[in-house]
N, C-alpha and C. Protein backbone atom coordinates (compact mmCIF):
# COMPACT_ATOMS: atom_id res chain seq x y z
N MET A 1 16.80 -5.87 -9.30
CA MET A 1 17.45 -5.27 -10.61
C MET A 1 18.14 -6.50 -11.38
N THR A 2 17.73 -6.50 -12.75
CA THR A 2 18.25 -7.57 -13.57
C THR A 2 19.51 -7.18 -14.29
N PRO A 3 20.20 -8.10 -14.87
CA PRO A 3 21.56 -7.61 -15.66
C PRO A 3 21.10 -6.51 -16.76
N GLU A 4 20.03 -6.82 -17.29
CA GLU A 4 19.52 -5.66 -18.34
C GLU A 4 19.36 -4.42 -17.82
N ASP A 5 18.93 -4.31 -16.49
CA ASP A 5 18.49 -3.05 -15.81
C ASP A 5 19.90 -2.40 -15.56
N VAL A 6 20.92 -3.19 -15.18
CA VAL A 6 22.33 -2.69 -14.96
C VAL A 6 22.82 -2.06 -16.14
N LEU A 7 22.79 -2.78 -17.31
CA LEU A 7 23.36 -2.26 -18.60
C LEU A 7 22.54 -0.88 -19.05
N ALA A 8 21.22 -0.87 -18.88
CA ALA A 8 20.50 0.32 -19.19
C ALA A 8 20.83 1.39 -18.41
N LEU A 9 20.96 1.36 -17.00
CA LEU A 9 21.54 2.21 -16.10
C LEU A 9 22.70 2.91 -16.38
N CYS A 10 23.61 2.04 -16.77
CA CYS A 10 24.96 2.58 -17.22
C CYS A 10 24.94 3.44 -18.49
N LYS A 11 24.08 3.10 -19.28
CA LYS A 11 23.94 3.71 -20.58
C LYS A 11 23.11 5.11 -20.18
N ASP A 12 22.16 5.02 -19.55
CA ASP A 12 21.48 6.34 -19.17
C ASP A 12 21.94 7.27 -18.47
N LYS A 13 23.04 6.84 -17.57
CA LYS A 13 23.64 7.79 -16.55
C LYS A 13 24.94 8.01 -17.08
N GLY A 14 25.36 7.46 -18.19
CA GLY A 14 26.59 7.86 -18.83
C GLY A 14 27.79 7.52 -17.94
N ILE A 15 27.72 6.19 -17.21
CA ILE A 15 28.72 5.79 -16.19
C ILE A 15 29.90 5.25 -17.07
N LYS A 16 31.06 5.69 -16.53
CA LYS A 16 32.44 5.37 -17.36
C LYS A 16 33.07 4.12 -16.69
N VAL A 17 33.11 3.92 -15.45
CA VAL A 17 33.64 2.66 -14.91
C VAL A 17 32.75 2.03 -13.95
N VAL A 18 33.11 0.71 -13.73
CA VAL A 18 32.15 -0.09 -12.92
C VAL A 18 33.23 -0.79 -11.84
N ASP A 19 32.93 -0.67 -10.61
CA ASP A 19 33.77 -1.10 -9.51
C ASP A 19 33.14 -2.41 -8.98
N PHE A 20 33.87 -3.40 -9.13
CA PHE A 20 33.47 -4.71 -8.46
C PHE A 20 34.01 -5.04 -7.04
N ARG A 21 33.19 -5.24 -6.03
CA ARG A 21 33.62 -5.53 -4.69
C ARG A 21 33.25 -6.92 -4.28
N PHE A 22 34.21 -7.44 -3.55
CA PHE A 22 34.12 -8.69 -3.04
C PHE A 22 34.79 -8.82 -1.63
N MET A 23 34.63 -9.94 -1.04
CA MET A 23 35.24 -10.07 0.39
C MET A 23 36.19 -11.20 0.29
N ASP A 24 37.40 -11.08 0.89
CA ASP A 24 38.43 -12.18 0.84
C ASP A 24 38.08 -13.15 2.01
N PHE A 25 39.08 -14.05 1.99
CA PHE A 25 38.64 -15.19 3.08
C PHE A 25 38.90 -14.68 4.52
N PRO A 26 39.74 -13.81 4.88
CA PRO A 26 39.74 -13.25 6.25
C PRO A 26 38.67 -12.36 6.59
N GLY A 27 37.94 -11.89 5.37
CA GLY A 27 36.63 -11.06 5.72
C GLY A 27 36.87 -9.63 5.44
N LEU A 28 37.83 -9.28 4.65
CA LEU A 28 38.06 -7.98 4.27
C LEU A 28 37.59 -7.54 2.79
N TRP A 29 37.09 -6.22 2.56
CA TRP A 29 36.67 -6.10 1.36
C TRP A 29 37.79 -5.77 0.28
N LYS A 30 37.51 -6.33 -0.88
CA LYS A 30 38.53 -5.97 -1.93
C LYS A 30 37.64 -5.53 -3.11
N HIS A 31 38.47 -4.81 -4.18
CA HIS A 31 37.59 -4.40 -5.24
C HIS A 31 38.59 -4.35 -6.50
N PHE A 32 38.00 -4.33 -7.68
CA PHE A 32 38.79 -3.97 -8.86
C PHE A 32 37.90 -3.22 -9.76
N THR A 33 38.34 -2.49 -10.73
CA THR A 33 37.62 -1.65 -11.61
C THR A 33 37.82 -1.83 -12.99
N ILE A 34 36.61 -1.87 -13.76
CA ILE A 34 36.77 -2.09 -15.38
C ILE A 34 36.18 -0.87 -15.82
N PRO A 35 36.45 -0.59 -17.22
CA PRO A 35 35.84 0.54 -17.89
C PRO A 35 34.35 -0.01 -18.20
N ALA A 36 33.34 0.79 -18.14
CA ALA A 36 31.95 0.49 -18.27
C ALA A 36 31.57 -0.17 -19.72
N SER A 37 32.39 0.27 -20.65
CA SER A 37 32.26 -0.36 -22.13
C SER A 37 32.50 -1.90 -22.16
N ARG A 38 33.24 -2.38 -21.14
CA ARG A 38 33.61 -3.76 -21.12
C ARG A 38 32.39 -4.60 -20.46
N LEU A 39 31.61 -3.88 -19.80
CA LEU A 39 30.49 -4.49 -19.27
C LEU A 39 29.28 -5.08 -20.17
N ASP A 40 29.01 -6.27 -20.37
CA ASP A 40 27.98 -6.61 -21.21
C ASP A 40 27.35 -7.89 -20.61
N ALA A 41 26.33 -8.33 -21.25
CA ALA A 41 25.36 -9.48 -20.90
C ALA A 41 26.27 -10.85 -20.55
N ASP A 42 27.39 -11.05 -21.42
CA ASP A 42 28.06 -12.20 -21.30
C ASP A 42 28.72 -12.23 -19.86
N ILE A 43 29.18 -11.00 -19.32
CA ILE A 43 29.94 -10.90 -17.97
C ILE A 43 28.88 -11.52 -16.88
N PHE A 44 27.62 -11.04 -17.07
CA PHE A 44 26.73 -11.41 -15.98
C PHE A 44 26.52 -12.76 -16.02
N GLU A 45 26.54 -13.47 -17.17
CA GLU A 45 26.18 -14.97 -17.28
C GLU A 45 27.52 -15.77 -16.91
N ASN A 46 28.67 -15.45 -17.54
CA ASN A 46 29.82 -16.17 -17.38
C ASN A 46 30.91 -15.82 -16.42
N GLY A 47 30.67 -14.55 -15.93
CA GLY A 47 31.75 -14.06 -15.07
C GLY A 47 32.84 -13.33 -15.74
N LEU A 48 33.68 -12.54 -15.02
CA LEU A 48 34.74 -11.73 -15.28
C LEU A 48 35.99 -12.34 -14.53
N GLY A 49 37.06 -12.73 -15.28
CA GLY A 49 38.27 -13.18 -14.69
C GLY A 49 39.07 -12.04 -14.31
N PHE A 50 39.98 -12.12 -13.12
CA PHE A 50 40.84 -11.22 -12.84
C PHE A 50 41.90 -11.85 -12.01
N ASP A 51 43.02 -11.18 -11.75
CA ASP A 51 44.25 -11.73 -10.99
C ASP A 51 44.12 -11.62 -9.49
N GLY A 52 43.97 -12.67 -8.84
CA GLY A 52 43.80 -12.75 -7.25
C GLY A 52 44.90 -13.12 -6.58
N SER A 53 46.18 -12.81 -7.12
CA SER A 53 47.35 -13.16 -6.33
C SER A 53 47.65 -12.19 -5.19
N SER A 54 46.83 -10.97 -5.21
CA SER A 54 47.14 -10.10 -4.02
C SER A 54 46.10 -10.46 -2.77
N ILE A 55 45.37 -11.34 -3.02
CA ILE A 55 44.37 -11.62 -1.92
C ILE A 55 45.10 -12.65 -0.99
N ARG A 56 44.92 -12.26 0.16
CA ARG A 56 45.50 -13.10 1.29
C ARG A 56 45.01 -14.46 1.37
N GLY A 57 45.79 -15.44 1.52
CA GLY A 57 45.28 -16.84 1.66
C GLY A 57 45.04 -17.58 0.25
N TRP A 58 45.43 -16.80 -0.78
CA TRP A 58 45.26 -17.39 -2.12
C TRP A 58 46.54 -17.86 -2.64
N LYS A 59 46.45 -18.33 -3.93
CA LYS A 59 47.61 -18.86 -4.44
C LYS A 59 48.58 -18.02 -5.01
N SER A 60 49.84 -18.52 -5.37
CA SER A 60 50.78 -17.68 -6.16
C SER A 60 50.22 -17.19 -7.49
N ILE A 61 51.07 -16.19 -8.00
CA ILE A 61 50.62 -15.60 -9.05
C ILE A 61 50.31 -16.59 -10.32
N ASN A 62 51.05 -17.50 -10.46
CA ASN A 62 50.76 -18.59 -11.59
C ASN A 62 49.64 -19.32 -11.29
N GLU A 63 48.91 -19.36 -10.16
CA GLU A 63 47.78 -20.13 -9.99
C GLU A 63 46.76 -19.29 -9.24
N SER A 64 46.66 -17.98 -9.66
CA SER A 64 45.83 -17.06 -8.91
C SER A 64 44.65 -16.62 -9.75
N ASP A 65 44.39 -17.12 -10.93
CA ASP A 65 43.23 -16.51 -11.65
C ASP A 65 42.10 -16.92 -11.09
N MET A 66 41.09 -15.67 -11.04
CA MET A 66 39.89 -15.90 -10.24
C MET A 66 38.80 -15.44 -11.08
N LEU A 67 37.45 -15.69 -10.76
CA LEU A 67 36.38 -15.40 -11.63
C LEU A 67 35.38 -14.76 -10.57
N ILE A 68 34.84 -13.71 -10.99
CA ILE A 68 33.66 -13.00 -10.23
C ILE A 68 32.41 -12.98 -11.26
N THR A 69 31.32 -13.44 -10.68
CA THR A 69 30.23 -13.56 -11.46
C THR A 69 29.14 -12.46 -11.02
N ALA A 70 28.89 -11.54 -11.80
CA ALA A 70 27.95 -10.49 -11.35
C ALA A 70 26.57 -10.94 -11.20
N LYS A 71 26.12 -11.87 -12.00
CA LYS A 71 24.92 -12.35 -12.01
C LYS A 71 24.63 -12.94 -10.62
N LYS A 72 25.56 -13.71 -10.10
CA LYS A 72 25.19 -14.36 -8.90
C LYS A 72 25.30 -13.29 -7.65
N LEU A 73 26.24 -12.23 -7.99
CA LEU A 73 26.33 -11.29 -6.87
C LEU A 73 24.83 -10.33 -6.81
N ILE A 74 24.32 -10.24 -8.01
CA ILE A 74 22.99 -9.63 -7.84
C ILE A 74 21.79 -10.41 -7.21
N ASN A 75 21.90 -11.88 -7.51
CA ASN A 75 20.95 -12.66 -6.83
C ASN A 75 21.09 -12.81 -5.40
N ILE A 76 22.34 -12.68 -4.89
CA ILE A 76 22.75 -12.60 -3.63
C ILE A 76 22.22 -11.30 -2.82
N GLN A 77 22.35 -10.37 -3.70
CA GLN A 77 22.04 -9.01 -3.09
C GLN A 77 20.46 -8.98 -2.98
N HIS A 78 19.81 -9.47 -3.80
CA HIS A 78 18.33 -9.65 -3.76
C HIS A 78 17.85 -10.39 -2.65
N ALA A 79 18.67 -11.70 -2.44
CA ALA A 79 18.07 -12.52 -1.33
C ALA A 79 18.41 -11.84 0.09
N VAL A 80 19.52 -11.09 0.16
CA VAL A 80 19.90 -10.36 1.39
C VAL A 80 18.93 -9.29 1.53
N SER A 81 18.43 -8.52 0.54
CA SER A 81 17.62 -7.52 0.64
C SER A 81 16.20 -8.00 1.14
N ASN A 82 15.88 -9.17 0.56
CA ASN A 82 14.54 -9.78 0.99
C ASN A 82 14.59 -10.09 2.30
N ILE A 83 15.71 -10.76 2.66
CA ILE A 83 15.72 -11.14 4.21
C ILE A 83 15.71 -10.04 5.24
N TYR A 84 16.42 -8.91 4.84
CA TYR A 84 16.44 -7.69 5.50
C TYR A 84 14.94 -7.22 5.68
N ASP A 85 14.19 -7.13 4.57
CA ASP A 85 13.02 -6.49 4.62
C ASP A 85 12.03 -7.37 5.38
N GLU A 86 12.12 -8.72 5.27
CA GLU A 86 11.21 -9.60 6.19
C GLU A 86 11.60 -9.46 7.59
N THR A 87 12.87 -9.46 7.85
CA THR A 87 13.24 -9.30 9.22
C THR A 87 12.74 -7.97 9.82
N LEU A 88 12.95 -7.01 9.08
CA LEU A 88 12.52 -5.75 9.55
C LEU A 88 11.05 -5.56 9.85
N ALA A 89 10.36 -6.31 8.92
CA ALA A 89 8.78 -6.33 9.16
C ALA A 89 8.37 -7.09 10.37
N ALA A 90 9.14 -8.19 10.59
CA ALA A 90 8.77 -9.06 11.57
C ALA A 90 9.19 -8.40 12.91
N LEU A 91 10.20 -7.61 12.94
CA LEU A 91 10.69 -6.98 14.21
C LEU A 91 9.60 -5.74 14.52
N LEU A 92 9.19 -5.15 13.49
CA LEU A 92 8.12 -4.06 13.65
C LEU A 92 6.89 -4.60 14.20
N ARG A 93 6.43 -5.89 13.71
CA ARG A 93 5.17 -6.53 14.26
C ARG A 93 5.39 -6.91 15.58
N PHE A 94 6.83 -7.35 15.88
CA PHE A 94 7.00 -7.84 17.39
C PHE A 94 6.94 -6.60 18.32
N CYS A 95 7.43 -5.59 17.87
CA CYS A 95 7.62 -4.35 18.74
C CYS A 95 6.03 -3.91 18.95
N ALA A 96 5.35 -3.75 17.91
CA ALA A 96 3.92 -3.41 17.99
C ALA A 96 3.06 -4.14 18.88
N TYR A 97 3.45 -5.52 18.73
CA TYR A 97 2.49 -6.43 19.43
C TYR A 97 2.89 -6.31 21.19
N PHE A 98 4.14 -6.11 21.40
CA PHE A 98 4.45 -5.95 22.82
C PHE A 98 4.13 -4.49 23.30
N GLU A 99 4.12 -3.60 22.39
CA GLU A 99 3.60 -2.26 22.83
C GLU A 99 2.10 -2.34 23.16
N SER A 100 1.39 -3.26 22.53
CA SER A 100 0.08 -3.22 22.79
C SER A 100 -0.19 -4.07 24.00
N ILE A 101 0.69 -5.04 24.20
CA ILE A 101 0.71 -5.74 25.58
C ILE A 101 0.83 -4.89 26.81
N GLU A 102 1.95 -3.95 26.53
CA GLU A 102 2.33 -3.05 27.52
C GLU A 102 1.02 -1.99 27.80
N ASN A 103 0.48 -1.43 26.73
CA ASN A 103 -0.65 -0.66 26.93
C ASN A 103 -1.84 -1.40 27.54
N PHE A 104 -2.05 -2.81 27.26
CA PHE A 104 -2.98 -3.56 27.79
C PHE A 104 -2.83 -3.64 29.22
N GLY A 105 -1.75 -3.79 29.78
CA GLY A 105 -1.37 -3.78 31.32
C GLY A 105 -1.55 -5.20 31.75
N GLY A 106 -1.80 -6.27 30.92
CA GLY A 106 -1.98 -7.68 31.57
C GLY A 106 -0.91 -8.65 31.17
N SER A 107 -1.17 -9.83 31.42
CA SER A 107 -0.23 -10.92 31.21
C SER A 107 -0.19 -11.08 29.62
N LEU A 108 0.84 -11.82 29.14
CA LEU A 108 0.85 -12.17 27.75
C LEU A 108 -0.31 -13.15 27.33
N LEU A 109 -0.58 -14.08 28.38
CA LEU A 109 -1.59 -15.24 28.07
C LEU A 109 -2.92 -14.47 27.79
N VAL A 110 -3.24 -13.59 28.65
CA VAL A 110 -4.52 -12.82 28.68
C VAL A 110 -4.68 -12.01 27.44
N ALA A 111 -3.65 -11.27 27.08
CA ALA A 111 -3.45 -10.36 25.77
C ALA A 111 -3.76 -11.22 24.70
N GLN A 112 -3.08 -12.55 24.74
CA GLN A 112 -3.34 -13.36 23.52
C GLN A 112 -4.75 -13.90 23.32
N ALA A 113 -5.38 -14.13 24.40
CA ALA A 113 -6.81 -14.48 24.48
C ALA A 113 -7.74 -13.30 24.00
N VAL A 114 -7.38 -12.14 24.48
CA VAL A 114 -8.17 -10.87 24.04
C VAL A 114 -7.95 -10.77 22.53
N ASP A 115 -6.71 -10.73 21.96
CA ASP A 115 -6.53 -10.84 20.51
C ASP A 115 -7.33 -11.72 19.85
N TYR A 116 -7.38 -13.10 20.41
CA TYR A 116 -8.11 -14.04 19.68
C TYR A 116 -9.56 -13.71 19.57
N ILE A 117 -10.16 -13.28 20.71
CA ILE A 117 -11.47 -12.90 20.66
C ILE A 117 -11.77 -11.77 19.68
N LYS A 118 -10.97 -10.92 19.55
CA LYS A 118 -11.23 -9.75 18.61
C LYS A 118 -11.26 -10.23 17.16
N GLU A 119 -10.42 -11.23 16.92
CA GLU A 119 -10.33 -11.79 15.56
C GLU A 119 -11.35 -12.77 15.26
N ASN A 120 -11.79 -13.35 16.21
CA ASN A 120 -12.68 -14.52 16.06
C ASN A 120 -14.08 -14.45 17.07
N TYR A 121 -14.58 -13.23 17.24
CA TYR A 121 -15.47 -13.01 18.13
C TYR A 121 -16.89 -13.85 17.82
N ALA A 122 -17.17 -14.14 16.58
CA ALA A 122 -18.35 -14.93 16.28
C ALA A 122 -18.19 -16.32 16.79
N SER A 123 -17.15 -16.88 16.95
CA SER A 123 -16.98 -18.25 17.23
C SER A 123 -15.98 -18.63 18.38
N ALA A 124 -15.57 -17.59 18.98
CA ALA A 124 -14.43 -17.60 20.24
C ALA A 124 -15.19 -18.52 21.32
N SER A 125 -14.52 -19.44 21.84
CA SER A 125 -14.95 -20.01 23.09
C SER A 125 -13.87 -20.39 23.96
N LEU A 126 -14.16 -20.50 25.18
CA LEU A 126 -13.09 -20.69 26.24
C LEU A 126 -12.15 -21.83 25.96
N ALA A 127 -12.86 -22.93 25.71
CA ALA A 127 -12.26 -24.16 25.41
C ALA A 127 -11.25 -24.14 24.25
N ASP A 128 -11.65 -23.59 23.15
CA ASP A 128 -10.77 -23.35 21.94
C ASP A 128 -9.78 -22.52 22.22
N ILE A 129 -9.78 -21.47 22.95
CA ILE A 129 -8.75 -20.46 23.19
C ILE A 129 -7.66 -21.21 24.07
N ALA A 130 -8.09 -21.80 25.15
CA ALA A 130 -7.35 -22.57 26.10
C ALA A 130 -6.55 -23.65 25.55
N GLU A 131 -7.11 -24.34 24.52
CA GLU A 131 -6.30 -25.29 23.86
C GLU A 131 -5.18 -24.72 22.91
N LYS A 132 -5.52 -23.55 22.33
CA LYS A 132 -4.43 -22.90 21.48
C LYS A 132 -3.36 -22.39 22.36
N LEU A 133 -3.65 -21.99 23.54
CA LEU A 133 -2.66 -21.36 24.35
C LEU A 133 -2.04 -22.37 25.39
N TYR A 134 -2.48 -23.63 25.12
CA TYR A 134 -1.95 -24.85 25.72
C TYR A 134 -2.08 -24.55 27.47
N VAL A 135 -3.25 -24.26 27.82
CA VAL A 135 -3.72 -24.13 29.25
C VAL A 135 -4.97 -24.73 29.43
N SER A 136 -5.28 -24.87 30.67
CA SER A 136 -6.66 -25.53 30.93
C SER A 136 -7.85 -24.39 30.93
N PRO A 137 -9.03 -24.71 30.56
CA PRO A 137 -9.99 -23.69 30.48
C PRO A 137 -10.26 -22.99 31.83
N THR A 138 -10.17 -23.80 32.87
CA THR A 138 -10.32 -23.36 34.18
C THR A 138 -9.16 -22.14 34.62
N TYR A 139 -7.99 -22.48 34.27
CA TYR A 139 -7.04 -21.73 34.54
C TYR A 139 -7.15 -20.31 33.80
N LEU A 140 -7.48 -20.56 32.39
CA LEU A 140 -7.66 -19.39 31.69
C LEU A 140 -8.81 -18.44 32.07
N SER A 141 -9.78 -19.17 32.46
CA SER A 141 -10.97 -18.48 33.06
C SER A 141 -10.86 -17.70 34.31
N ARG A 142 -9.85 -18.25 35.15
CA ARG A 142 -9.53 -17.56 36.51
C ARG A 142 -8.72 -16.37 36.19
N ILE A 143 -7.63 -16.48 35.36
CA ILE A 143 -6.50 -15.33 35.15
C ILE A 143 -7.35 -14.30 34.36
N PHE A 144 -8.19 -14.77 33.48
CA PHE A 144 -8.86 -13.69 32.59
C PHE A 144 -9.76 -12.83 33.47
N ALA A 145 -10.53 -13.53 34.29
CA ALA A 145 -11.56 -12.62 35.19
C ALA A 145 -10.91 -11.89 36.03
N ALA A 146 -9.56 -12.30 36.57
CA ALA A 146 -8.77 -11.54 37.53
C ALA A 146 -8.26 -10.18 36.83
N GLU A 147 -7.76 -10.34 35.60
CA GLU A 147 -7.14 -9.14 34.93
C GLU A 147 -8.15 -8.36 34.29
N MET A 148 -9.17 -8.96 33.69
CA MET A 148 -10.20 -8.17 32.80
C MET A 148 -11.23 -7.57 33.85
N LYS A 149 -11.36 -8.13 35.00
CA LYS A 149 -12.41 -7.50 35.90
C LYS A 149 -13.77 -7.89 35.20
N ASP A 150 -13.87 -9.04 34.51
CA ASP A 150 -15.00 -9.48 33.87
C ASP A 150 -14.75 -11.00 33.50
N THR A 151 -15.95 -11.83 33.54
CA THR A 151 -15.80 -13.12 33.07
C THR A 151 -15.51 -13.18 31.57
N PHE A 152 -14.96 -14.41 31.24
CA PHE A 152 -14.66 -14.67 29.77
C PHE A 152 -15.99 -14.50 28.94
N SER A 153 -17.04 -15.15 29.21
CA SER A 153 -18.12 -15.09 28.52
C SER A 153 -18.73 -13.64 28.49
N ARG A 154 -18.90 -12.99 29.42
CA ARG A 154 -19.23 -11.57 29.53
C ARG A 154 -18.48 -10.61 28.75
N TYR A 155 -17.28 -11.02 28.70
CA TYR A 155 -16.34 -10.08 27.75
C TYR A 155 -16.58 -10.38 26.24
N VAL A 156 -16.77 -11.66 25.93
CA VAL A 156 -17.14 -12.02 24.50
C VAL A 156 -18.46 -11.34 24.22
N GLN A 157 -19.46 -11.44 25.17
CA GLN A 157 -20.84 -10.93 24.89
C GLN A 157 -20.69 -9.46 24.58
N LYS A 158 -20.15 -8.71 25.58
CA LYS A 158 -19.84 -7.22 25.29
C LYS A 158 -19.19 -6.90 23.98
N TYR A 159 -18.18 -7.71 23.58
CA TYR A 159 -17.47 -7.41 22.31
C TYR A 159 -18.38 -7.69 21.14
N ARG A 160 -19.16 -8.66 21.17
CA ARG A 160 -20.08 -8.93 20.13
C ARG A 160 -21.04 -7.84 20.03
N VAL A 161 -21.49 -7.44 21.10
CA VAL A 161 -22.55 -6.11 21.10
C VAL A 161 -21.86 -4.99 20.35
N LYS A 162 -20.56 -4.78 20.98
CA LYS A 162 -19.82 -3.62 20.29
C LYS A 162 -19.84 -3.69 18.77
N ILE A 163 -19.57 -4.88 18.31
CA ILE A 163 -19.46 -4.87 16.75
C ILE A 163 -20.77 -4.85 16.14
N SER A 164 -21.85 -5.39 16.78
CA SER A 164 -23.22 -5.52 16.28
C SER A 164 -23.87 -3.98 16.22
N LYS A 165 -23.38 -3.16 17.16
CA LYS A 165 -23.86 -1.66 17.14
C LYS A 165 -23.36 -0.88 15.95
N LYS A 166 -22.18 -1.42 15.49
CA LYS A 166 -21.54 -0.57 14.24
C LYS A 166 -22.44 -1.19 13.02
N LEU A 167 -22.64 -2.51 12.96
CA LEU A 167 -23.27 -3.04 12.01
C LEU A 167 -24.84 -2.62 11.89
N LEU A 168 -25.50 -2.30 12.92
CA LEU A 168 -26.82 -1.87 13.05
C LEU A 168 -26.92 -0.52 12.47
N LEU A 169 -25.99 0.36 12.35
CA LEU A 169 -25.97 1.65 11.82
C LEU A 169 -25.99 1.54 10.26
N ASP A 170 -25.62 0.37 9.79
CA ASP A 170 -25.68 0.30 8.28
C ASP A 170 -27.02 -0.38 7.76
N PRO A 171 -27.71 0.33 7.01
CA PRO A 171 -28.99 -0.04 6.57
C PRO A 171 -29.04 -1.32 5.67
N GLN A 172 -28.07 -1.78 5.14
CA GLN A 172 -28.02 -3.01 4.40
C GLN A 172 -28.05 -4.13 5.20
N TYR A 173 -27.90 -4.23 6.45
CA TYR A 173 -27.93 -5.38 7.16
C TYR A 173 -29.19 -5.45 7.90
N LYS A 174 -29.92 -6.70 7.77
CA LYS A 174 -30.92 -6.89 8.64
C LYS A 174 -30.57 -7.44 10.03
N ILE A 175 -31.45 -7.39 11.01
CA ILE A 175 -31.13 -7.80 12.41
C ILE A 175 -30.73 -9.25 12.39
N TYR A 176 -31.33 -10.11 11.77
CA TYR A 176 -31.26 -11.51 11.65
C TYR A 176 -29.77 -11.90 11.01
N ASN A 177 -29.44 -11.09 10.00
CA ASN A 177 -28.12 -11.22 9.36
C ASN A 177 -26.97 -10.79 10.51
N ILE A 178 -27.24 -9.64 11.11
CA ILE A 178 -26.31 -9.29 12.21
C ILE A 178 -25.97 -10.10 13.27
N ALA A 179 -27.23 -10.84 13.76
CA ALA A 179 -27.26 -11.90 14.77
C ALA A 179 -26.14 -13.09 14.48
N LYS A 180 -26.25 -13.54 13.28
CA LYS A 180 -25.45 -14.61 12.83
C LYS A 180 -23.97 -14.10 12.48
N MET A 181 -23.72 -12.87 11.95
CA MET A 181 -22.46 -12.27 11.85
C MET A 181 -21.66 -12.12 13.23
N VAL A 182 -22.33 -11.97 14.30
CA VAL A 182 -21.55 -11.80 15.53
C VAL A 182 -21.63 -12.99 16.40
N GLY A 183 -22.27 -14.14 15.84
CA GLY A 183 -22.14 -15.34 16.60
C GLY A 183 -23.34 -15.89 17.25
N TYR A 184 -24.45 -15.37 17.02
CA TYR A 184 -25.71 -15.86 17.64
C TYR A 184 -26.61 -16.69 16.48
N SER A 185 -27.08 -17.72 17.06
CA SER A 185 -27.78 -18.66 16.07
C SER A 185 -29.07 -18.14 15.62
N ASP A 186 -29.76 -17.27 16.57
CA ASP A 186 -30.98 -16.67 16.04
C ASP A 186 -31.26 -15.40 16.71
N VAL A 187 -32.18 -14.65 16.22
CA VAL A 187 -32.55 -13.18 16.65
C VAL A 187 -32.78 -13.18 18.26
N ALA A 188 -33.57 -14.14 18.79
CA ALA A 188 -34.00 -14.11 20.09
C ALA A 188 -32.83 -14.18 21.10
N HIS A 189 -31.81 -14.91 20.77
CA HIS A 189 -30.55 -15.10 21.59
C HIS A 189 -29.76 -13.68 21.56
N PHE A 190 -29.66 -13.24 20.31
CA PHE A 190 -28.98 -12.00 20.12
C PHE A 190 -29.63 -10.71 20.75
N SER A 191 -30.99 -10.70 20.77
CA SER A 191 -31.63 -9.58 21.26
C SER A 191 -31.49 -9.61 22.85
N LYS A 192 -31.57 -10.69 23.34
CA LYS A 192 -31.31 -10.96 24.80
C LYS A 192 -29.87 -10.53 25.17
N ALA A 193 -28.94 -10.92 24.43
CA ALA A 193 -27.67 -10.51 24.79
C ALA A 193 -27.52 -9.03 24.65
N PHE A 194 -28.02 -8.47 23.48
CA PHE A 194 -27.97 -7.04 23.42
C PHE A 194 -28.41 -6.30 24.38
N LYS A 195 -29.76 -6.61 24.98
CA LYS A 195 -30.35 -5.98 25.92
C LYS A 195 -29.77 -6.07 27.16
N GLN A 196 -29.11 -7.15 27.47
CA GLN A 196 -28.31 -7.16 28.76
C GLN A 196 -27.20 -6.26 28.77
N VAL A 197 -26.51 -5.91 27.86
CA VAL A 197 -25.47 -5.03 27.78
C VAL A 197 -25.96 -3.52 27.56
N GLU A 198 -26.81 -3.37 26.63
CA GLU A 198 -27.24 -1.96 26.33
C GLU A 198 -28.46 -1.41 26.96
N GLY A 199 -29.21 -2.29 27.35
CA GLY A 199 -30.52 -2.03 28.23
C GLY A 199 -31.75 -1.73 27.09
N ILE A 200 -31.59 -1.90 25.82
CA ILE A 200 -32.65 -1.75 24.92
C ILE A 200 -32.46 -2.99 23.88
N SER A 201 -33.45 -3.00 23.04
CA SER A 201 -33.33 -4.15 22.02
C SER A 201 -32.54 -3.71 20.75
N PRO A 202 -31.95 -4.59 20.10
CA PRO A 202 -31.25 -3.98 18.84
C PRO A 202 -32.16 -3.19 17.93
N MET A 203 -33.37 -3.78 17.93
CA MET A 203 -34.33 -2.96 17.00
C MET A 203 -34.45 -1.43 17.41
N LYS A 204 -34.72 -1.41 18.77
CA LYS A 204 -34.94 -0.03 19.24
C LYS A 204 -33.60 0.72 18.87
N PHE A 205 -32.62 0.22 19.29
CA PHE A 205 -31.13 0.99 18.99
C PHE A 205 -31.08 1.31 17.53
N LYS A 206 -31.47 0.43 16.53
CA LYS A 206 -31.39 0.76 15.16
C LYS A 206 -32.26 1.91 14.79
N ASN A 207 -33.53 1.85 15.33
CA ASN A 207 -34.53 2.81 14.92
C ASN A 207 -34.14 4.23 15.54
N ILE A 208 -33.72 4.37 16.85
CA ILE A 208 -33.20 5.43 17.26
C ILE A 208 -31.92 6.10 16.58
N SER A 209 -31.12 5.18 16.33
CA SER A 209 -29.76 5.68 15.53
C SER A 209 -30.14 6.05 14.10
N ASN A 210 -31.10 5.49 13.42
CA ASN A 210 -31.49 5.82 12.13
C ASN A 210 -32.17 7.15 12.15
N GLN A 211 -32.94 7.49 13.28
CA GLN A 211 -33.62 8.81 13.29
C GLN A 211 -32.85 9.84 13.75
N GLY A 212 -31.55 9.53 13.96
CA GLY A 212 -30.46 10.61 14.42
C GLY A 212 -30.42 10.92 15.87
N GLY A 213 -31.21 10.17 16.67
CA GLY A 213 -31.47 10.41 17.97
C GLY A 213 -30.25 9.95 18.92
N ARG A 214 -30.34 10.12 20.20
CA ARG A 214 -29.39 9.81 21.05
C ARG A 214 -30.03 8.82 22.02
N ILE A 215 -29.34 7.84 22.45
CA ILE A 215 -29.86 6.88 23.48
C ILE A 215 -29.65 7.43 24.92
N THR A 216 -30.67 7.70 25.71
CA THR A 216 -30.40 8.10 27.18
C THR A 216 -30.78 7.16 28.04
N GLY A 217 -30.41 7.46 29.24
CA GLY A 217 -30.82 6.61 30.19
C GLY A 217 -32.22 6.25 30.33
N GLN A 218 -32.98 7.23 30.28
CA GLN A 218 -34.66 7.05 30.32
C GLN A 218 -35.10 6.02 29.16
N GLU A 219 -34.55 6.25 27.95
CA GLU A 219 -34.82 5.43 26.80
C GLU A 219 -34.47 3.98 27.01
N LYS A 220 -33.41 3.77 27.82
CA LYS A 220 -33.04 2.47 28.15
C LYS A 220 -33.85 1.76 29.12
């Protein structure tokens, strides 16, 4: 809210008085009130003088003139509000992340590896993820297999096939496009990986799906 917004609000709402609040040196709230008619743009820019002799820790009455600047207070309010919003958002992300780890049921390290695979399935490699997590590829491979009951490469393969199945349902994508999108250099490697997981080729899967059919064990 800008100073102009404050003045407009006072006018629109018919506000009669404005209460200025601030904190003294020991940390207690203080305030003083002025008629709304005295509030103008100059106060926001240059501040408003008042007698501070009643404030603990301040000077005597002949040396107690103080100045409160509303413009700075508004800027501080904005800064605090932004910090609050950013902190709350970070805490919500933090809670959501650890909730997903709890549901996941594994260690933080493996959960981070799985998250990385899901975000970078087309290029994810054991060496890259191990480097990002500051562990050796051998160690990551061992704990990943122990917790996921599958090897790292097999998990990546299954996830790529899972994504490709969704893309195969979209007629705008050709199989060679999908192969590259999910991380395979050519259709032959993609088809081999797909068939290892699904039991049929991606072309057959696409044809059956486009015809509204269901993939049965016999068709596989």
